[in-house]
Amino acid sequence: MITKANIKTFLRDIRKNIFCRGQEVDVSNYKYFIFINSKVSNIIDQVYPPFQKGFFPKDEVLIVYKHHFESVKHIRRDLDKYGLVGHCIINLRDIPSVENKIWFYSHNSMYNFSVINKNLYSKHVWIGHGDSEKIAYYKKMIRVFDYILVTGDLAIERFNKHKIFRKEESYKFIKIGKAALCSVLPNKIKSENKAILFASTWEGAMEEENYSTLHLHNENSEFIKKISTLLEIKNIVIKLHPNTGIRDSKLIEQTLKTIEGLVALEKNIIFIAEKTDWVYSWVYTRFQEKLEYREKLYDLDDYTFEVGVSNISAMASMLDAEGMKTFVLYDSEITIQERVESSSGKKIDLRNLSVLEDKVLFEQEQRKGLISYEKDWDSLSQEKMFSELIQLVNNEKLDKD
């Protein structure tokens, strides 16, 4: 008897054979998994940092990704480029069901529940994609994970501030520092080409999550001009959040005016985006040959980044983790930006640049809590750190050496 359920199953199998054939592996060969369900073309770039640092072993972690026409070819390309292993699924029913394994999650999505429900006898660990003060990072759904990897005490304080976890759930936090979780730049190769990285965030999915300052286009270029003059830097690298202008289309023109102001500084401007990216389409249309274009920030090893400029975001934490001078731009007239205390870099109010003193501009202090760990993780190699993390998650006895 033919039923709707039978037809759906039949069509799903056809799609699987067409779109995932040759893109599946034997999941029983893996102990560790990462799940992604995204239409964003650069999603692999967002989960790659722990692999790049050597924290995740490339041949032991399987990336399970749901097929989307918008992103699948980019996912497969980047998996090959970075030497990662992927497993394609057509819908959430195809999520592997395994026992006594460990799943890692980089995005706080409701689809994570589907993975957890199919893997009740495995452990589930939140890694995020960078450390951030954004309120969106602290949603209560994060409580479903068995463990939360954080950079240090301040990250835990922020969770406590948002009342996400009960006191008796403090065991869930594993403090491992920034090194393993935060990385956006190529391996450090000293180049004579010093550069400023301008990496602004987007306007958020709702106004209550808006940490962008791209609407202050004159102030953005004025601040970049100030630091580039003080440090005699001739190169500016622009890396916009890929979602910039998606919720608020007015931000597109404001962003273009910001870039216009940077071009007017007569510096060498490098714009980072893939040709298929949403932001590339309207930036290239306006500026075309006035900018140099590169696809990946990871590949920009012919520049040495002296300064990172961002907003309240995971990107700011990543830049700070690289050891560069980091500035966190904010708009004091936007309440949510004014009240957030940034633990990364130096917070700069673009509304009050006139009172900014050059002599104290580069005085940056390490915030208390960022380097206070339960274990001296810094003395471990990334490989050893991952090994000890697995022992903690599995409640095994740690090695003494």
Protein backbone atom coordinates (compact mmCIF):
# COMPACT_ATOMS: atom_id res chain seq x y z
CA MET A 1 0.00 0.00 0.00
CA ILE A 2 1.36 3.39 -1.01
CA THR A 3 1.19 6.02 1.73
CA LYS A 4 2.43 9.59 2.07
CA ALA A 5 5.13 8.33 4.45
CA ASN A 6 6.31 5.81 1.86
CA ILE A 7 6.43 8.47 -0.84
CA LYS A 8 8.41 10.82 1.42
CA THR A 9 10.88 8.06 2.24
CA PHE A 10 11.22 7.18 -1.44
CA LEU A 11 11.86 10.80 -2.44
CA ARG A 12 14.34 11.24 0.41
CA ASP A 13 16.27 8.19 -0.74
CA ILE A 14 16.37 9.54 -4.29
CA ARG A 15 17.72 12.89 -3.06
CA LYS A 16 20.26 11.08 -0.91
CA ASN A 17 21.48 9.00 -3.84
CA ILE A 18 21.73 12.07 -6.07
CA PHE A 19 23.18 14.67 -3.73
CA CYS A 20 25.06 12.73 -1.04
CA ARG A 21 26.43 9.80 -3.03
CA GLY A 22 30.18 9.63 -2.54
CA GLN A 23 29.96 12.16 0.31
CA GLU A 24 29.23 9.66 3.08
CA VAL A 25 31.62 7.72 5.29
CA ASP A 26 31.40 4.87 7.78
CA VAL A 27 30.50 6.75 10.97
CA SER A 28 31.47 3.77 13.13
CA ASN A 29 35.12 4.65 12.47
CA TYR A 30 34.81 7.93 14.38
CA LYS A 31 34.61 8.85 18.07
CA TYR A 32 34.10 12.59 17.70
CA PHE A 33 31.55 14.52 15.64
CA ILE A 34 30.66 18.10 14.74
CA PHE A 35 27.16 18.86 13.44
CA ILE A 36 26.42 21.79 11.14
CA ASN A 37 23.15 22.76 9.47
CA SER A 38 23.71 26.01 7.63
CA LYS A 39 23.09 27.74 4.32
CA VAL A 40 26.04 30.08 4.92
CA SER A 41 28.78 29.60 2.33
CA ASN A 42 31.69 30.08 4.76
CA ILE A 43 30.40 27.82 7.53
CA ILE A 44 33.51 25.60 7.45
CA ASP A 45 35.68 28.68 8.07
CA GLN A 46 33.71 29.18 11.28
CA VAL A 47 34.39 25.68 12.61
CA TYR A 48 37.95 25.42 11.31
CA PRO A 49 39.91 27.39 13.99
CA PRO A 50 40.22 24.49 16.50
CA PHE A 51 41.49 22.30 13.67
CA GLN A 52 43.89 24.99 12.47
CA LYS A 53 45.41 25.30 15.94
CA GLY A 54 45.86 21.54 16.17
CA PHE A 55 43.31 21.17 18.97
CA PHE A 56 40.97 18.91 16.97
CA PRO A 57 42.71 16.01 15.19
CA LYS A 58 41.60 16.26 11.55
CA ASP A 59 41.47 12.52 10.97
CA GLU A 60 39.47 11.74 14.12
CA VAL A 61 36.66 14.32 14.00
CA LEU A 62 33.82 13.80 11.52
CA ILE A 63 31.86 16.85 10.35
CA VAL A 64 28.23 15.87 9.74
CA TYR A 65 26.57 18.45 7.50
CA LYS A 66 23.02 18.75 6.20
CA HIS A 67 22.69 19.23 2.45
CA HIS A 68 21.60 22.73 1.39
CA PHE A 69 21.89 23.85 -2.22
CA GLU A 70 23.09 27.29 -1.06
CA SER A 71 26.12 26.00 0.84
CA VAL A 72 26.91 22.40 -0.07
CA LYS A 73 29.46 23.06 -2.82
CA HIS A 74 31.31 25.52 -0.57
CA ILE A 75 31.29 23.04 2.30
CA ARG A 76 32.75 20.27 0.14
CA ARG A 77 35.35 22.60 -1.34
CA ASP A 78 36.53 23.80 2.08
CA LEU A 79 36.52 20.30 3.56
CA ASP A 80 38.91 19.27 0.80
CA LYS A 81 40.98 22.42 1.13
CA TYR A 82 41.51 22.06 4.88
CA GLY A 83 41.87 18.28 4.85
CA LEU A 84 38.73 17.66 6.95
CA VAL A 85 36.35 14.70 6.75
CA GLY A 86 32.66 15.30 6.06
CA HIS A 87 29.50 13.20 6.05
CA CYS A 88 26.49 14.43 4.06
CA ILE A 89 22.89 13.97 5.22
CA ILE A 90 19.69 14.96 3.42
CA ASN A 91 17.46 15.67 6.42
CA LEU A 92 17.53 15.42 10.20
CA ARG A 93 16.32 11.81 10.11
CA ASP A 94 19.70 10.89 8.63
CA ILE A 95 21.66 12.15 11.64
CA PRO A 96 23.92 9.28 12.77
CA SER A 97 22.89 7.56 15.99
CA VAL A 98 25.99 6.44 17.90
CA GLU A 99 26.72 5.42 21.48
CA ASN A 100 29.53 6.45 23.82
CA LYS A 101 30.83 9.08 21.42
CA ILE A 102 31.30 12.86 21.76
CA TRP A 103 29.47 15.49 19.72
CA PHE A 104 30.84 19.06 19.53
CA TYR A 105 28.66 22.07 18.67
CA SER A 106 29.79 25.43 17.30
CA HIS A 107 26.39 27.11 16.76
CA ASN A 108 23.52 27.56 19.21
CA SER A 109 20.77 26.22 16.96
CA MET A 110 17.48 24.48 17.70
CA TYR A 111 18.58 21.77 15.24
CA ASN A 112 21.10 20.62 17.84
CA PHE A 113 18.19 19.06 19.73
CA SER A 114 17.71 16.61 16.86
CA VAL A 115 21.29 15.41 17.26
CA ILE A 116 20.97 15.08 21.02
CA ASN A 117 17.67 13.20 20.80
CA LYS A 118 19.23 10.64 18.46
CA ASN A 119 22.37 10.32 20.58
CA LEU A 120 21.17 10.09 24.17
CA TYR A 121 24.03 7.77 25.13
CA SER A 122 26.77 10.07 23.87
CA LYS A 123 28.25 13.25 25.39
CA HIS A 124 27.50 16.69 23.96
CA VAL A 125 30.00 19.54 24.26
CA TRP A 126 29.54 23.20 23.36
CA ILE A 127 32.61 24.87 21.82
CA GLY A 128 31.02 27.87 20.09
CA HIS A 129 32.93 29.72 17.39
CA GLY A 130 34.87 32.19 19.49
CA ASP A 131 34.22 33.84 22.84
CA SER A 132 31.70 36.67 22.81
CA GLU A 133 29.90 39.14 25.06
CA LYS A 134 26.90 39.20 22.72
CA ILE A 135 23.62 38.41 24.47
CA ALA A 136 22.68 36.04 21.62
CA TYR A 137 25.53 33.80 22.79
CA TYR A 138 23.77 33.22 26.12
CA LYS A 139 20.52 31.51 25.21
CA LYS A 140 19.04 29.03 27.66
CA MET A 141 19.06 26.22 25.11
CA ILE A 142 22.79 25.94 25.80
CA ARG A 143 21.87 24.16 29.04
CA VAL A 144 21.20 20.94 27.12
CA PHE A 145 24.92 20.33 26.62
CA ASP A 146 26.87 18.13 29.01
CA TYR A 147 29.89 20.43 29.02
CA ILE A 148 30.66 23.99 27.97
CA LEU A 149 34.17 24.94 26.84
CA VAL A 150 35.01 28.49 27.92
CA THR A 151 38.09 30.67 27.66
CA GLY A 152 38.26 31.58 31.35
CA ASP A 153 36.55 32.93 34.45
CA LEU A 154 35.03 35.95 32.73
CA ALA A 155 33.12 33.73 30.33
CA ILE A 156 31.64 31.84 33.29
CA GLU A 157 30.76 35.13 34.97
CA ARG A 158 28.81 36.15 31.88
CA PHE A 159 26.82 32.90 31.93
CA ASN A 160 26.08 33.50 35.63
CA LYS A 161 25.03 37.07 34.91
CA HIS A 162 22.47 35.85 32.37
CA LYS A 163 21.28 33.18 34.83
CA ILE A 164 21.71 30.36 32.35
CA PHE A 165 22.98 27.69 34.74
CA ARG A 166 22.21 26.79 38.34
CA LYS A 167 25.05 26.83 40.84
CA GLU A 168 25.11 23.03 41.02
CA GLU A 169 25.73 22.92 37.25
CA SER A 170 29.10 24.67 37.50
CA TYR A 171 30.80 21.34 36.80
CA LYS A 172 29.77 21.76 33.16
CA PHE A 173 32.34 24.49 32.54
CA ILE A 174 35.78 23.47 31.29
CA LYS A 175 38.20 26.39 31.11
CA ILE A 176 40.79 25.88 28.40
CA GLY A 177 41.88 29.40 27.47
CA LYS A 178 41.59 31.21 24.17
CA ALA A 179 44.29 29.44 22.22
CA ALA A 180 42.27 26.36 21.25
CA LEU A 181 38.95 28.05 20.50
CA CYS A 182 39.95 31.34 18.91
CA SER A 183 41.86 31.74 15.65
CA VAL A 184 41.09 33.62 12.48
CA LEU A 185 44.46 34.51 11.03
CA PRO A 186 46.99 32.54 9.00
CA ASN A 187 49.93 30.96 10.78
CA LYS A 188 52.19 33.75 11.93
CA ILE A 189 54.75 34.62 9.29
CA LYS A 190 56.47 37.93 9.81
CA SER A 191 56.04 40.17 6.79
CA GLU A 192 57.20 43.71 6.18
CA ASN A 193 53.67 44.51 5.02
CA LYS A 194 52.03 45.70 8.24
CA ALA A 195 48.24 45.82 8.17
CA ILE A 196 45.18 46.83 10.16
CA LEU A 197 42.35 44.29 10.17
CA PHE A 198 38.93 45.97 10.19
CA ALA A 199 36.41 43.22 10.99
CA SER A 200 33.06 44.73 11.86
CA THR A 201 30.15 42.58 13.01
CA TRP A 202 26.64 42.60 11.55
CA GLU A 203 23.43 44.16 12.88
CA GLY A 204 22.15 40.96 14.48
CA ALA A 205 18.98 38.98 13.90
CA MET A 206 17.01 41.60 15.89
CA GLU A 207 17.66 45.14 17.10
CA GLU A 208 18.27 43.85 20.63
CA GLU A 209 21.31 42.01 19.24
CA ASN A 210 22.77 44.93 17.26
CA TYR A 211 26.46 45.46 18.07
CA SER A 212 27.47 46.94 14.72
CA THR A 213 28.91 50.44 14.28
CA LEU A 214 28.92 50.48 10.48
CA HIS A 215 26.22 53.15 10.57
CA LEU A 216 28.86 55.56 11.95
CA HIS A 217 30.77 55.58 8.68
CA ASN A 218 32.64 58.87 9.22
CA GLU A 219 33.74 57.83 12.71
CA ASN A 220 34.93 54.42 11.53
CA SER A 221 37.23 55.90 8.89
CA GLU A 222 38.37 58.64 11.29
CA PHE A 223 39.46 56.06 13.87
CA ILE A 224 41.23 53.89 11.28
CA LYS A 225 43.00 57.00 9.98
CA LYS A 226 44.16 57.85 13.49
CA ILE A 227 45.73 54.48 14.27
CA SER A 228 47.16 53.99 10.77
CA THR A 229 48.86 57.38 11.03
CA LEU A 230 50.23 56.75 14.52
CA LEU A 231 51.65 53.35 13.53
CA GLU A 232 52.55 54.28 9.94
CA ILE A 233 50.52 51.42 8.47
CA LYS A 234 49.66 51.53 4.77
CA ASN A 235 47.49 48.42 4.43
CA ILE A 236 43.90 47.98 5.59
CA VAL A 237 42.20 44.59 5.39
CA ILE A 238 38.38 44.63 5.52
CA LYS A 239 36.52 41.50 6.64
CA LEU A 240 32.78 42.08 7.00
CA HIS A 241 30.47 39.66 8.75
CA PRO A 242 28.82 37.66 5.92
CA ASN A 243 25.32 38.58 7.18
CA THR A 244 25.90 42.35 7.10
CA GLY A 245 22.80 44.13 5.82
CA ILE A 246 20.59 41.04 5.67
CA ARG A 247 18.18 42.18 8.41
CA ASP A 248 18.56 45.93 7.95
CA SER A 249 19.14 46.81 4.29
CA LYS A 250 19.91 50.43 5.25
CA LEU A 251 23.20 49.17 6.65
CA ILE A 252 24.37 48.25 3.14
CA GLU A 253 24.65 51.88 2.04
CA GLN A 254 26.15 52.86 5.41
CA THR A 255 28.74 50.10 5.06
CA LEU A 256 29.61 51.25 1.55
CA LYS A 257 30.12 54.77 2.90
CA THR A 258 32.45 53.36 5.58
CA ILE A 259 34.51 51.62 2.88
CA GLU A 260 34.38 54.80 0.80
CA GLY A 261 35.91 56.67 3.73
CA LEU A 262 38.68 54.08 4.03
CA VAL A 263 39.41 54.25 0.29
CA ALA A 264 39.75 58.03 0.65
CA LEU A 265 42.65 57.48 3.07
CA GLU A 266 44.71 56.43 0.03
CA LYS A 267 45.84 53.19 1.64
CA ASN A 268 46.12 49.75 0.08
CA ILE A 269 42.69 48.22 0.76
CA ILE A 270 42.18 44.44 0.70
CA PHE A 271 38.59 43.18 0.88
CA ILE A 272 38.04 39.62 2.13
CA ALA A 273 35.03 37.79 0.70
CA GLU A 274 34.16 35.03 -1.73
CA LYS A 275 32.46 35.94 -4.99
CA THR A 276 29.39 34.01 -3.89
CA ASP A 277 29.11 35.92 -0.59
CA TRP A 278 26.21 38.30 -0.03
CA VAL A 279 28.56 41.17 0.95
CA TYR A 280 30.82 40.68 -2.08
CA SER A 281 28.02 41.39 -4.55
CA TRP A 282 27.28 44.92 -3.40
CA VAL A 283 30.83 45.88 -2.40
CA TYR A 284 32.26 44.87 -5.79
CA THR A 285 29.44 46.63 -7.65
CA ARG A 286 30.38 49.92 -5.97
CA PHE A 287 34.17 49.71 -5.86
CA GLN A 288 35.30 47.12 -8.42
CA GLU A 289 38.98 47.82 -9.20
CA LYS A 290 39.48 50.25 -6.29
CA LEU A 291 39.98 47.31 -3.92
CA GLU A 292 42.13 44.21 -3.92
CA TYR A 293 40.03 41.07 -3.38
CA ARG A 294 40.98 37.90 -1.49
CA GLU A 295 38.72 34.98 -0.61
CA LYS A 296 40.07 33.77 2.75
CA LEU A 297 41.57 35.57 5.70
CA TYR A 298 43.52 32.39 6.49
CA ASP A 299 45.42 32.74 3.22
CA LEU A 300 46.61 36.30 3.83
CA ASP A 301 50.09 35.29 4.98
CA ASP A 302 51.82 38.07 3.04
CA TYR A 303 50.74 40.59 5.69
CA THR A 304 51.51 41.03 9.38
CA PHE A 305 48.48 42.22 11.34
CA GLU A 306 49.54 44.87 13.85
CA VAL A 307 46.06 46.00 14.88
CA GLY A 308 42.60 44.43 14.94
CA VAL A 309 39.46 46.60 14.93
CA SER A 310 36.06 45.00 15.53
CA ASN A 311 32.92 45.32 17.64
CA ILE A 312 31.53 43.43 20.63
CA SER A 313 31.74 40.00 19.05
CA ALA A 314 33.54 36.68 18.91
CA MET A 315 35.84 38.24 16.31
CA ALA A 316 37.17 40.70 18.91
CA SER A 317 38.07 37.81 21.20
CA MET A 318 39.78 35.99 18.34
CA LEU A 319 41.87 39.03 17.43
CA ASP A 320 42.81 39.55 21.06
CA ALA A 321 43.77 35.88 21.34
CA GLU A 322 46.24 36.35 18.50
CA GLY A 323 48.14 38.80 20.70
CA MET A 324 47.55 41.85 18.53
CA LYS A 325 46.42 45.29 19.66
CA THR A 326 42.64 45.02 19.59
CA PHE A 327 40.06 47.81 19.56
CA VAL A 328 36.36 47.16 20.19
CA LEU A 329 34.26 49.91 18.61
CA TYR A 330 30.83 50.72 20.02
CA ASP A 331 28.08 53.32 19.81
CA SER A 332 27.27 54.78 23.25
CA GLU A 333 23.82 55.82 22.01
CA ILE A 334 22.83 52.17 21.59
CA THR A 335 22.02 50.93 25.10
CA ILE A 336 23.01 47.32 24.60
CA GLN A 337 26.44 48.35 23.29
CA GLU A 338 27.01 50.88 26.06
CA ARG A 339 26.32 48.50 28.94
CA VAL A 340 28.41 45.54 27.76
CA GLU A 341 31.85 45.42 29.33
CA SER A 342 34.26 43.97 26.80
CA SER A 343 36.95 41.60 28.07
CA SER A 344 38.87 41.77 24.81
CA GLY A 345 41.02 44.71 23.78
CA LYS A 346 40.22 48.38 24.34
CA LYS A 347 36.64 49.59 24.07
CA ILE A 348 36.33 52.74 21.91
CA ASP A 349 33.20 54.92 21.83
CA LEU A 350 32.94 56.23 18.28
CA ARG A 351 30.66 59.01 19.52
CA ASN A 352 33.52 60.50 21.56
CA LEU A 353 36.63 60.20 19.42
CA SER A 354 37.50 63.84 20.11
CA VAL A 355 38.41 63.03 23.73
CA LEU A 356 40.58 60.05 22.78
CA GLU A 357 44.20 60.66 23.78
CA ASP A 358 46.89 59.31 21.47
CA LYS A 359 49.32 58.57 24.31
CA VAL A 360 46.95 56.12 26.05
CA LEU A 361 45.41 54.66 22.91
CA PHE A 362 47.65 51.60 22.86
CA GLU A 363 47.70 50.97 26.60
CA GLN A 364 45.84 47.67 26.91
CA GLU A 365 45.66 45.48 29.98
CA GLN A 366 44.93 41.77 30.24
CA ARG A 367 41.61 41.44 32.06
CA LYS A 368 41.61 39.38 35.23
CA GLY A 369 40.07 35.97 34.64
CA LEU A 370 41.31 35.35 31.14
CA ILE A 371 44.39 33.45 32.27
CA SER A 372 43.12 31.78 35.45
CA TYR A 373 42.50 28.13 34.65
CA GLU A 374 41.83 25.05 36.73
CA LYS A 375 44.77 23.47 34.94
CA ASP A 376 47.85 24.99 33.39
CA TRP A 377 46.64 24.33 29.86
CA ASP A 378 49.20 26.71 28.38
CA SER A 379 51.99 24.25 29.16
CA LEU A 380 50.29 21.56 27.06
CA SER A 381 50.45 21.03 23.34
CA GLN A 382 47.11 21.38 21.53
CA GLU A 383 47.13 17.62 20.96
CA LYS A 384 47.67 16.91 24.66
CA MET A 385 45.02 19.47 25.59
CA PHE A 386 42.44 17.68 23.45
CA SER A 387 43.43 14.33 24.97
CA GLU A 388 42.93 15.64 28.50
CA LEU A 389 39.65 17.29 27.55
CA ILE A 390 38.35 13.92 26.32
CA GLN A 391 39.35 12.35 29.63
CA LEU A 392 37.46 15.07 31.52
CA VAL A 393 34.34 14.65 29.38
CA ASN A 394 34.45 10.88 29.78
CA ASN A 395 35.05 11.23 33.53
CA GLU A 396 38.31 9.36 33.23
CA LYS A 397 41.28 9.85 35.54
CA LEU A 398 43.70 12.43 34.16
CA ASP A 399 47.33 11.57 33.56
CA LYS A 400 49.62 13.03 36.19
CA ASP A 401 52.37 14.06 33.78
